[in-house]
Amino acid sequence: VHASLSTDMSAVLMPRFDGKSALKTIKKDKVTTVIA
């Protein structure tokens, strides 16, 4: 949260992780950064 807010980067919030939803989000939103 803080790192994304401290830059111009957008935070794409995903309240509950699962691989299928994460892949869909990465693909759709062109996610560049993941913390895991």
Full PDB file with SEQRES, HELIX, SHEET, SSBOND, CRYST1, ORIGX, SCALE, CONECT and MASTER records, all heavy atoms in Angstrom:
SEQRES   1 A   36  VAL HIS ALA SER LEU SER THR ASP MET SER ALA VAL LEU          
SEQRES   2 A   36  MET PRO ARG PHE ASP GLY LYS SER ALA LEU LYS THR ILE          
SEQRES   3 A   36  LYS LYS ASP LYS VAL THR THR VAL ILE ALA                      
HELIX    1 AA1 HIS A    2  LEU A    5  1                                   4    
HELIX    2 AA2 GLY A   19  ASP A   29  1                                  11    
CRYST1    1.000    1.000    1.000  90.00  90.00  90.00 P 1           1          
ORIGX1      1.000000  0.000000  0.000000        0.00000                         
ORIGX2      0.000000  1.000000  0.000000        0.00000                         
ORIGX3      0.000000  0.000000  1.000000        0.00000                         
SCALE1      1.000000  0.000000  0.000000        0.00000                         
SCALE2      0.000000  1.000000  0.000000        0.00000                         
SCALE3      0.000000  0.000000  1.000000        0.00000                         
ATOM      1  N   VAL A   1       0.821  -1.206   0.000  1.00  0.00           N  
ATOM      2  CA  VAL A   1       0.000   0.000   0.000  1.00  0.00           C  
ATOM      3  C   VAL A   1       0.857   1.260   0.000  1.00  0.00           C  
ATOM      4  O   VAL A   1       0.743   2.095  -0.894  1.00  0.00           O  
ATOM      5  CB  VAL A   1      -0.983   0.005   1.199  1.00  0.00           C  
ATOM      6  CG1 VAL A   1      -1.789   1.280   1.217  1.00  0.00           C  
ATOM      7  CG2 VAL A   1      -1.907  -1.207   1.116  1.00  0.00           C  
ATOM      8  N   HIS A   2       1.737   1.398   0.978  1.00  0.00           N  
ATOM      9  CA  HIS A   2       2.519   2.634   1.085  1.00  0.00           C  
ATOM     10  C   HIS A   2       3.432   2.867  -0.115  1.00  0.00           C  
ATOM     11  O   HIS A   2       3.543   3.998  -0.601  1.00  0.00           O  
ATOM     12  CB  HIS A   2       3.333   2.665   2.370  1.00  0.00           C  
ATOM     13  CG  HIS A   2       2.499   2.820   3.594  1.00  0.00           C  
ATOM     14  ND1 HIS A   2       3.006   2.640   4.848  1.00  0.00           N  
ATOM     15  CD2 HIS A   2       1.183   3.134   3.776  1.00  0.00           C  
ATOM     16  CE1 HIS A   2       2.041   2.832   5.747  1.00  0.00           C  
ATOM     17  NE2 HIS A   2       0.942   3.134   5.116  1.00  0.00           N  
ATOM     18  N   ALA A   3       4.092   1.815  -0.590  1.00  0.00           N  
ATOM     19  CA  ALA A   3       5.008   1.992  -1.723  1.00  0.00           C  
ATOM     20  C   ALA A   3       4.257   2.445  -2.970  1.00  0.00           C  
ATOM     21  O   ALA A   3       4.724   3.338  -3.684  1.00  0.00           O  
ATOM     22  CB  ALA A   3       5.780   0.714  -2.004  1.00  0.00           C  
ATOM     23  N   SER A   4       3.109   1.850  -3.224  1.00  0.00           N  
ATOM     24  CA  SER A   4       2.370   2.276  -4.415  1.00  0.00           C  
ATOM     25  C   SER A   4       1.828   3.694  -4.251  1.00  0.00           C  
ATOM     26  O   SER A   4       1.822   4.476  -5.199  1.00  0.00           O  
ATOM     27  CB  SER A   4       1.254   1.288  -4.758  1.00  0.00           C  
ATOM     28  OG  SER A   4       0.332   1.157  -3.711  1.00  0.00           O  
ATOM     29  N   LEU A   5       1.398   4.057  -3.042  1.00  0.00           N  
ATOM     30  CA  LEU A   5       0.894   5.411  -2.804  1.00  0.00           C  
ATOM     31  C   LEU A   5       2.003   6.459  -2.819  1.00  0.00           C  
ATOM     32  O   LEU A   5       1.743   7.642  -3.051  1.00  0.00           O  
ATOM     33  CB  LEU A   5       0.150   5.478  -1.465  1.00  0.00           C  
ATOM     34  CG  LEU A   5      -1.180   4.730  -1.395  1.00  0.00           C  
ATOM     35  CD1 LEU A   5      -1.730   4.764   0.016  1.00  0.00           C  
ATOM     36  CD2 LEU A   5      -2.189   5.299  -2.381  1.00  0.00           C  
ATOM     37  N   SER A   6       3.249   6.032  -2.562  1.00  0.00           N  
ATOM     38  CA  SER A   6       4.385   6.955  -2.531  1.00  0.00           C  
ATOM     39  C   SER A   6       4.954   7.224  -3.916  1.00  0.00           C  
ATOM     40  O   SER A   6       5.919   7.966  -4.060  1.00  0.00           O  
ATOM     41  CB  SER A   6       5.495   6.388  -1.642  1.00  0.00           C  
ATOM     42  OG  SER A   6       5.037   6.257  -0.323  1.00  0.00           O  
ATOM     43  N   THR A   7       4.373   6.607  -4.918  1.00  0.00           N  
ATOM     44  CA  THR A   7       4.807   6.792  -6.309  1.00  0.00           C  
ATOM     45  C   THR A   7       3.566   7.120  -7.130  1.00  0.00           C  
ATOM     46  O   THR A   7       2.473   7.242  -6.594  1.00  0.00           O  
ATOM     47  CB  THR A   7       5.449   5.497  -6.852  1.00  0.00           C  
ATOM     48  OG1 THR A   7       4.452   4.471  -6.907  1.00  0.00           O  
ATOM     49  CG2 THR A   7       6.608   5.038  -5.987  1.00  0.00           C  
ATOM     50  N   ASP A   8       3.731   7.218  -8.416  1.00  0.00           N  
ATOM     51  CA  ASP A   8       2.581   7.418  -9.301  1.00  0.00           C  
ATOM     52  C   ASP A   8       1.951   6.091  -9.711  1.00  0.00           C  
ATOM     53  O   ASP A   8       1.054   6.048 -10.544  1.00  0.00           O  
ATOM     54  CB  ASP A   8       3.009   8.187 -10.559  1.00  0.00           C  
ATOM     55  CG  ASP A   8       3.317   9.635 -10.279  1.00  0.00           C  
ATOM     56  OD1 ASP A   8       2.762  10.177  -9.304  1.00  0.00           O  
ATOM     57  OD2 ASP A   8       4.109  10.232 -11.033  1.00  0.00           O  
ATOM     58  N   MET A   9       2.432   4.996  -9.145  1.00  0.00           N  
ATOM     59  CA  MET A   9       1.963   3.666  -9.481  1.00  0.00           C  
ATOM     60  C   MET A   9       0.543   3.444  -8.949  1.00  0.00           C  
ATOM     61  O   MET A   9       0.193   3.922  -7.879  1.00  0.00           O  
ATOM     62  CB  MET A   9       2.938   2.654  -8.859  1.00  0.00           C  
ATOM     63  CG  MET A   9       2.537   1.225  -8.938  1.00  0.00           C  
ATOM     64  SD  MET A   9       3.753   0.032  -8.292  1.00  0.00           S  
ATOM     65  CE  MET A   9       4.805   0.931  -7.205  1.00  0.00           C  
ATOM     66  N   SER A  10      -0.262   2.710  -9.691  1.00  0.00           N  
ATOM     67  CA  SER A  10      -1.604   2.339  -9.240  1.00  0.00           C  
ATOM     68  C   SER A  10      -1.534   1.060  -8.435  1.00  0.00           C  
ATOM     69  O   SER A  10      -0.754   0.162  -8.744  1.00  0.00           O  
ATOM     70  CB  SER A  10      -2.526   2.100 -10.442  1.00  0.00           C  
ATOM     71  OG  SER A  10      -2.668   3.253 -11.215  1.00  0.00           O  
ATOM     72  N   ALA A  11      -2.363   0.970  -7.416  1.00  0.00           N  
ATOM     73  CA  ALA A  11      -2.494  -0.266  -6.636  1.00  0.00           C  
ATOM     74  C   ALA A  11      -3.741  -0.993  -7.123  1.00  0.00           C  
ATOM     75  O   ALA A  11      -4.831  -0.430  -7.137  1.00  0.00           O  
ATOM     76  CB  ALA A  11      -2.621   0.047  -5.155  1.00  0.00           C  
ATOM     77  N   VAL A  12      -3.569  -2.229  -7.542  1.00  0.00           N  
ATOM     78  CA  VAL A  12      -4.681  -3.065  -7.973  1.00  0.00           C  
ATOM     79  C   VAL A  12      -4.955  -4.016  -6.807  1.00  0.00           C  
ATOM     80  O   VAL A  12      -4.203  -4.956  -6.568  1.00  0.00           O  
ATOM     81  CB  VAL A  12      -4.345  -3.848  -9.262  1.00  0.00           C  
ATOM     82  CG1 VAL A  12      -5.523  -4.694  -9.701  1.00  0.00           C  
ATOM     83  CG2 VAL A  12      -3.902  -2.899 -10.373  1.00  0.00           C  
ATOM     84  N   LEU A  13      -6.013  -3.711  -6.042  1.00  0.00           N  
ATOM     85  CA  LEU A  13      -6.306  -4.469  -4.830  1.00  0.00           C  
ATOM     86  C   LEU A  13      -7.032  -5.767  -5.156  1.00  0.00           C  
ATOM     87  O   LEU A  13      -7.989  -5.789  -5.923  1.00  0.00           O  
ATOM     88  CB  LEU A  13      -7.152  -3.634  -3.875  1.00  0.00           C  
ATOM     89  CG  LEU A  13      -6.527  -2.315  -3.412  1.00  0.00           C  
ATOM     90  CD1 LEU A  13      -7.490  -1.564  -2.519  1.00  0.00           C  
ATOM     91  CD2 LEU A  13      -5.212  -2.554  -2.704  1.00  0.00           C  
ATOM     92  N   MET A  14      -6.549  -6.844  -4.550  1.00  0.00           N  
ATOM     93  CA  MET A  14      -7.141  -8.166  -4.704  1.00  0.00           C  
ATOM     94  C   MET A  14      -7.280  -8.743  -3.303  1.00  0.00           C  
ATOM     95  O   MET A  14      -6.310  -9.243  -2.742  1.00  0.00           O  
ATOM     96  CB  MET A  14      -6.239  -9.043  -5.578  1.00  0.00           C  
ATOM     97  CG  MET A  14      -6.784 -10.391  -5.864  1.00  0.00           C  
ATOM     98  SD  MET A  14      -5.636 -11.259  -6.967  1.00  0.00           S  
ATOM     99  CE  MET A  14      -6.603 -12.698  -7.253  1.00  0.00           C  
ATOM    100  N   PRO A  15      -8.481  -8.650  -2.703  1.00  0.00           N  
ATOM    101  CA  PRO A  15      -8.643  -9.030  -1.299  1.00  0.00           C  
ATOM    102  C   PRO A  15      -8.335 -10.491  -0.977  1.00  0.00           C  
ATOM    103  O   PRO A  15      -7.918 -10.793   0.126  1.00  0.00           O  
ATOM    104  CB  PRO A  15     -10.119  -8.738  -1.013  1.00  0.00           C  
ATOM    105  CG  PRO A  15     -10.600  -7.903  -2.134  1.00  0.00           C  
ATOM    106  CD  PRO A  15      -9.696  -8.133  -3.292  1.00  0.00           C  
ATOM    107  N   ARG A  16      -8.493 -11.362  -1.936  1.00  0.00           N  
ATOM    108  CA  ARG A  16      -8.232 -12.777  -1.682  1.00  0.00           C  
ATOM    109  C   ARG A  16      -7.496 -13.363  -2.876  1.00  0.00           C  
ATOM    110  O   ARG A  16      -7.989 -13.297  -4.001  1.00  0.00           O  
ATOM    111  CB  ARG A  16      -9.541 -13.517  -1.448  1.00  0.00           C  
ATOM    112  CG  ARG A  16      -9.323 -14.930  -1.033  1.00  0.00           C  
ATOM    113  CD  ARG A  16     -10.591 -15.561  -0.569  1.00  0.00           C  
ATOM    114  NE  ARG A  16     -10.299 -16.898  -0.102  1.00  0.00           N  
ATOM    115  CZ  ARG A  16     -11.174 -17.839  -0.008  1.00  0.00           C  
ATOM    116  NH1 ARG A  16     -12.428 -17.603  -0.328  1.00  0.00           N  
ATOM    117  NH2 ARG A  16     -10.830 -19.017   0.420  1.00  0.00           N  
ATOM    118  N   PHE A  17      -6.338 -13.934  -2.629  1.00  0.00           N  
ATOM    119  CA  PHE A  17      -5.511 -14.450  -3.717  1.00  0.00           C  
ATOM    120  C   PHE A  17      -5.959 -15.818  -4.188  1.00  0.00           C  
ATOM    121  O   PHE A  17      -6.216 -16.723  -3.385  1.00  0.00           O  
ATOM    122  CB  PHE A  17      -4.040 -14.546  -3.274  1.00  0.00           C  
ATOM    123  CG  PHE A  17      -3.154 -15.103  -4.352  1.00  0.00           C  
ATOM    124  CD1 PHE A  17      -2.657 -14.267  -5.328  1.00  0.00           C  
ATOM    125  CD2 PHE A  17      -2.859 -16.454  -4.406  1.00  0.00           C  
ATOM    126  CE1 PHE A  17      -1.855 -14.769  -6.346  1.00  0.00           C  
ATOM    127  CE2 PHE A  17      -2.055 -16.963  -5.411  1.00  0.00           C  
ATOM    128  CZ  PHE A  17      -1.559 -16.118  -6.389  1.00  0.00           C  
ATOM    129  N   ASP A  18      -6.040 -15.969  -5.494  1.00  0.00           N  
ATOM    130  CA  ASP A  18      -6.072 -17.283  -6.125  1.00  0.00           C  
ATOM    131  C   ASP A  18      -5.434 -17.103  -7.499  1.00  0.00           C  
ATOM    132  O   ASP A  18      -5.506 -16.030  -8.107  1.00  0.00           O  
ATOM    133  CB  ASP A  18      -7.485 -17.885  -6.188  1.00  0.00           C  
ATOM    134  CG  ASP A  18      -8.379 -17.251  -7.226  1.00  0.00           C  
ATOM    135  OD1 ASP A  18      -8.225 -17.574  -8.421  1.00  0.00           O  
ATOM    136  OD2 ASP A  18      -9.243 -16.436  -6.850  1.00  0.00           O  
ATOM    137  N   GLY A  19      -4.769 -18.129  -7.966  1.00  0.00           N  
ATOM    138  CA  GLY A  19      -3.980 -18.037  -9.183  1.00  0.00           C  
ATOM    139  C   GLY A  19      -4.770 -17.603 -10.399  1.00  0.00           C  
ATOM    140  O   GLY A  19      -4.312 -16.759 -11.184  1.00  0.00           O  
ATOM    141  N   LYS A  20      -5.949 -18.152 -10.578  1.00  0.00           N  
ATOM    142  CA  LYS A  20      -6.760 -17.850 -11.759  1.00  0.00           C  
ATOM    143  C   LYS A  20      -7.166 -16.373 -11.786  1.00  0.00           C  
ATOM    144  O   LYS A  20      -7.052 -15.703 -12.817  1.00  0.00           O  
ATOM    145  CB  LYS A  20      -7.997 -18.743 -11.774  1.00  0.00           C  
ATOM    146  CG  LYS A  20      -8.800 -18.680 -13.041  1.00  0.00           C  
ATOM    147  CD  LYS A  20      -9.940 -19.701 -13.014  1.00  0.00           C  
ATOM    148  CE  LYS A  20     -10.746 -19.632 -14.283  1.00  0.00           C  
ATOM    149  NZ  LYS A  20     -11.865 -20.596 -14.266  1.00  0.00           N  
ATOM    150  N   SER A  21      -7.637 -15.855 -10.652  1.00  0.00           N  
ATOM    151  CA  SER A  21      -8.026 -14.438 -10.574  1.00  0.00           C  
ATOM    152  C   SER A  21      -6.811 -13.524 -10.730  1.00  0.00           C  
ATOM    153  O   SER A  21      -6.902 -12.471 -11.373  1.00  0.00           O  
ATOM    154  CB  SER A  21      -8.719 -14.140  -9.250  1.00  0.00           C  
ATOM    155  OG  SER A  21      -9.919 -14.859  -9.151  1.00  0.00           O  
ATOM    156  N   ALA A  22      -5.691 -13.916 -10.131  1.00  0.00           N  
ATOM    157  CA  ALA A  22      -4.475 -13.112 -10.242  1.00  0.00           C  
ATOM    158  C   ALA A  22      -4.020 -13.039 -11.697  1.00  0.00           C  
ATOM    159  O   ALA A  22      -3.679 -11.956 -12.188  1.00  0.00           O  
ATOM    160  CB  ALA A  22      -3.367 -13.681  -9.358  1.00  0.00           C  
ATOM    161  N   LEU A  23      -4.027 -14.160 -12.401  1.00  0.00           N  
ATOM    162  CA  LEU A  23      -3.640 -14.174 -13.809  1.00  0.00           C  
ATOM    163  C   LEU A  23      -4.559 -13.277 -14.630  1.00  0.00           C  
ATOM    164  O   LEU A  23      -4.101 -12.476 -15.451  1.00  0.00           O  
ATOM    165  CB  LEU A  23      -3.655 -15.595 -14.368  1.00  0.00           C  
ATOM    166  CG  LEU A  23      -3.431 -15.712 -15.877  1.00  0.00           C  
ATOM    167  CD1 LEU A  23      -2.079 -15.130 -16.281  1.00  0.00           C  
ATOM    168  CD2 LEU A  23      -3.564 -17.151 -16.322  1.00  0.00           C  
ATOM    169  N   LYS A  24      -5.851 -13.382 -14.384  1.00  0.00           N  
ATOM    170  CA  LYS A  24      -6.822 -12.552 -15.104  1.00  0.00           C  
ATOM    171  C   LYS A  24      -6.537 -11.064 -14.864  1.00  0.00           C  
ATOM    172  O   LYS A  24      -6.562 -10.254 -15.792  1.00  0.00           O  
ATOM    173  CB  LYS A  24      -8.238 -12.908 -14.641  1.00  0.00           C  
ATOM    174  CG  LYS A  24      -9.327 -12.177 -15.361  1.00  0.00           C  
ATOM    175  CD  LYS A  24     -10.693 -12.640 -14.854  1.00  0.00           C  
ATOM    176  CE  LYS A  24     -11.807 -11.827 -15.511  1.00  0.00           C  
ATOM    177  NZ  LYS A  24     -13.131 -12.231 -15.009  1.00  0.00           N  
ATOM    178  N   THR A  25      -6.237 -10.713 -13.627  1.00  0.00           N  
ATOM    179  CA  THR A  25      -5.951  -9.316 -13.264  1.00  0.00           C  
ATOM    180  C   THR A  25      -4.643  -8.842 -13.890  1.00  0.00           C  
ATOM    181  O   THR A  25      -4.569  -7.729 -14.424  1.00  0.00           O  
ATOM    182  CB  THR A  25      -5.906  -9.163 -11.732  1.00  0.00           C  
ATOM    183  OG1 THR A  25      -7.169  -9.564 -11.203  1.00  0.00           O  
ATOM    184  CG2 THR A  25      -5.605  -7.732 -11.319  1.00  0.00           C  
ATOM    185  N   ILE A  26      -3.612  -9.668 -13.824  1.00  0.00           N  
ATOM    186  CA  ILE A  26      -2.316  -9.313 -14.424  1.00  0.00           C  
ATOM    187  C   ILE A  26      -2.483  -9.040 -15.916  1.00  0.00           C  
ATOM    188  O   ILE A  26      -1.990  -8.047 -16.443  1.00  0.00           O  
ATOM    189  CB  ILE A  26      -1.265 -10.424 -14.179  1.00  0.00           C  
ATOM    190  CG1 ILE A  26      -0.898 -10.479 -12.696  1.00  0.00           C  
ATOM    191  CG2 ILE A  26      -0.024 -10.221 -15.046  1.00  0.00           C  
ATOM    192  CD1 ILE A  26      -0.118 -11.723 -12.288  1.00  0.00           C  
ATOM    193  N   LYS A  27      -3.208  -9.916 -16.575  1.00  0.00           N  
ATOM    194  CA  LYS A  27      -3.414  -9.796 -18.023  1.00  0.00           C  
ATOM    195  C   LYS A  27      -4.263  -8.569 -18.362  1.00  0.00           C  
ATOM    196  O   LYS A  27      -3.889  -7.760 -19.206  1.00  0.00           O  
ATOM    197  CB  LYS A  27      -4.077 -11.069 -18.541  1.00  0.00           C  
ATOM    198  CG  LYS A  27      -4.272 -11.091 -20.035  1.00  0.00           C  
ATOM    199  CD  LYS A  27      -4.889 -12.408 -20.470  1.00  0.00           C  
ATOM    200  CE  LYS A  27      -5.094 -12.449 -21.974  1.00  0.00           C  
ATOM    201  NZ  LYS A  27      -5.679 -13.737 -22.391  1.00  0.00           N  
ATOM    202  N   LYS A  28      -5.399  -8.422 -17.698  1.00  0.00           N  
ATOM    203  CA  LYS A  28      -6.345  -7.337 -17.997  1.00  0.00           C  
ATOM    204  C   LYS A  28      -5.770  -5.971 -17.672  1.00  0.00           C  
ATOM    205  O   LYS A  28      -5.872  -5.035 -18.468  1.00  0.00           O  
ATOM    206  CB  LYS A  28      -7.639  -7.554 -17.212  1.00  0.00           C  
ATOM    207  CG  LYS A  28      -8.684  -6.453 -17.384  1.00  0.00           C  
ATOM    208  CD  LYS A  28      -9.934  -6.799 -16.577  1.00  0.00           C  
ATOM    209  CE  LYS A  28     -10.560  -5.655 -15.893  1.00  0.00           C  
ATOM    210  NZ  LYS A  28      -9.983  -5.021 -14.791  1.00  0.00           N  
ATOM    211  N   ASP A  29      -5.157  -5.823 -16.490  1.00  0.00           N  
ATOM    212  CA  ASP A  29      -4.663  -4.526 -16.035  1.00  0.00           C  
ATOM    213  C   ASP A  29      -3.208  -4.257 -16.394  1.00  0.00           C  
ATOM    214  O   ASP A  29      -2.675  -3.211 -16.038  1.00  0.00           O  
ATOM    215  CB  ASP A  29      -4.846  -4.401 -14.523  1.00  0.00           C  
ATOM    216  CG  ASP A  29      -6.316  -4.345 -14.123  1.00  0.00           C  
ATOM    217  OD1 ASP A  29      -7.108  -3.738 -14.864  1.00  0.00           O  
ATOM    218  OD2 ASP A  29      -6.654  -4.906 -13.065  1.00  0.00           O  
ATOM    219  N   LYS A  30      -2.564  -5.205 -17.064  1.00  0.00           N  
ATOM    220  CA  LYS A  30      -1.144  -5.055 -17.424  1.00  0.00           C  
ATOM    221  C   LYS A  30      -0.305  -4.732 -16.182  1.00  0.00           C  
ATOM    222  O   LYS A  30       0.466  -3.764 -16.147  1.00  0.00           O  
ATOM    223  CB  LYS A  30      -0.947  -3.979 -18.485  1.00  0.00           C  
ATOM    224  CG  LYS A  30      -1.688  -4.237 -19.775  1.00  0.00           C  
ATOM    225  CD  LYS A  30      -0.891  -5.123 -20.673  1.00  0.00           C  
ATOM    226  CE  LYS A  30      -1.527  -5.256 -22.047  1.00  0.00           C  
ATOM    227  NZ  LYS A  30      -1.862  -6.623 -22.369  1.00  0.00           N  
ATOM    228  N   VAL A  31      -0.481  -5.556 -15.161  1.00  0.00           N  
ATOM    229  CA  VAL A  31       0.247  -5.390 -13.898  1.00  0.00           C  
ATOM    230  C   VAL A  31       1.741  -5.498 -14.168  1.00  0.00           C  
ATOM    231  O   VAL A  31       2.196  -6.390 -14.882  1.00  0.00           O  
ATOM    232  CB  VAL A  31      -0.225  -6.452 -12.873  1.00  0.00           C  
ATOM    233  CG1 VAL A  31       0.685  -6.494 -11.659  1.00  0.00           C  
ATOM    234  CG2 VAL A  31      -1.668  -6.194 -12.475  1.00  0.00           C  
ATOM    235  N   THR A  32       2.507  -4.581 -13.579  1.00  0.00           N  
ATOM    236  CA  THR A  32       3.960  -4.583 -13.755  1.00  0.00           C  
ATOM    237  C   THR A  32       4.702  -5.076 -12.517  1.00  0.00           C  
ATOM    238  O   THR A  32       5.838  -5.519 -12.611  1.00  0.00           O  
ATOM    239  CB  THR A  32       4.476  -3.157 -14.074  1.00  0.00           C  
ATOM    240  OG1 THR A  32       4.133  -2.287 -12.992  1.00  0.00           O  
ATOM    241  CG2 THR A  32       3.903  -2.648 -15.382  1.00  0.00           C  
ATOM    242  N   THR A  33       4.045  -4.991 -11.362  1.00  0.00           N  
ATOM    243  CA  THR A  33       4.719  -5.302 -10.100  1.00  0.00           C  
ATOM    244  C   THR A  33       3.840  -6.179  -9.229  1.00  0.00           C  
ATOM    245  O   THR A  33       2.647  -5.916  -9.083  1.00  0.00           O  
ATOM    246  CB  THR A  33       5.067  -4.002  -9.347  1.00  0.00           C  
ATOM    247  OG1 THR A  33       5.851  -3.172 -10.210  1.00  0.00           O  
ATOM    248  CG2 THR A  33       5.838  -4.279  -8.078  1.00  0.00           C  
ATOM    249  N   VAL A  34       4.446  -7.215  -8.662  1.00  0.00           N  
ATOM    250  CA  VAL A  34       3.741  -8.123  -7.763  1.00  0.00           C  
ATOM    251  C   VAL A  34       4.583  -8.284  -6.505  1.00  0.00           C  
ATOM    252  O   VAL A  34       5.807  -8.430  -6.582  1.00  0.00           O  
ATOM    253  CB  VAL A  34       3.519  -9.510  -8.414  1.00  0.00           C  
ATOM    254  CG1 VAL A  34       2.938 -10.507  -7.424  1.00  0.00           C  
ATOM    255  CG2 VAL A  34       2.622  -9.393  -9.649  1.00  0.00           C  
ATOM    256  N   ILE A  35       3.915  -8.223  -5.345  1.00  0.00           N  
ATOM    257  CA  ILE A  35       4.576  -8.613  -4.101  1.00  0.00           C  
ATOM    258  C   ILE A  35       3.916  -9.917  -3.683  1.00  0.00           C  
ATOM    259  O   ILE A  35       2.701 -10.064  -3.780  1.00  0.00           O  
ATOM    260  CB  ILE A  35       4.484  -7.532  -3.009  1.00  0.00           C  
ATOM    261  CG1 ILE A  35       3.041  -7.183  -2.665  1.00  0.00           C  
ATOM    262  CG2 ILE A  35       5.266  -6.301  -3.423  1.00  0.00           C  
ATOM    263  CD1 ILE A  35       2.893  -6.309  -1.446  1.00  0.00           C  
ATOM    264  N   ALA A  36       4.730 -10.881  -3.266  1.00  0.00           N  
ATOM    265  CA  ALA A  36       4.194 -12.219  -3.052  1.00  0.00           C  
ATOM    266  C   ALA A  36       4.975 -12.969  -1.980  1.00  0.00           C  
ATOM    267  O   ALA A  36       6.101 -12.610  -1.644  1.00  0.00           O  
ATOM    268  CB  ALA A  36       4.257 -13.009  -4.358  1.00  0.00           C  
TER     269      ALA A  36                                                      
MASTER        0    0    0    2    0    0    0    6  268    1    0    3          
END                                                                             
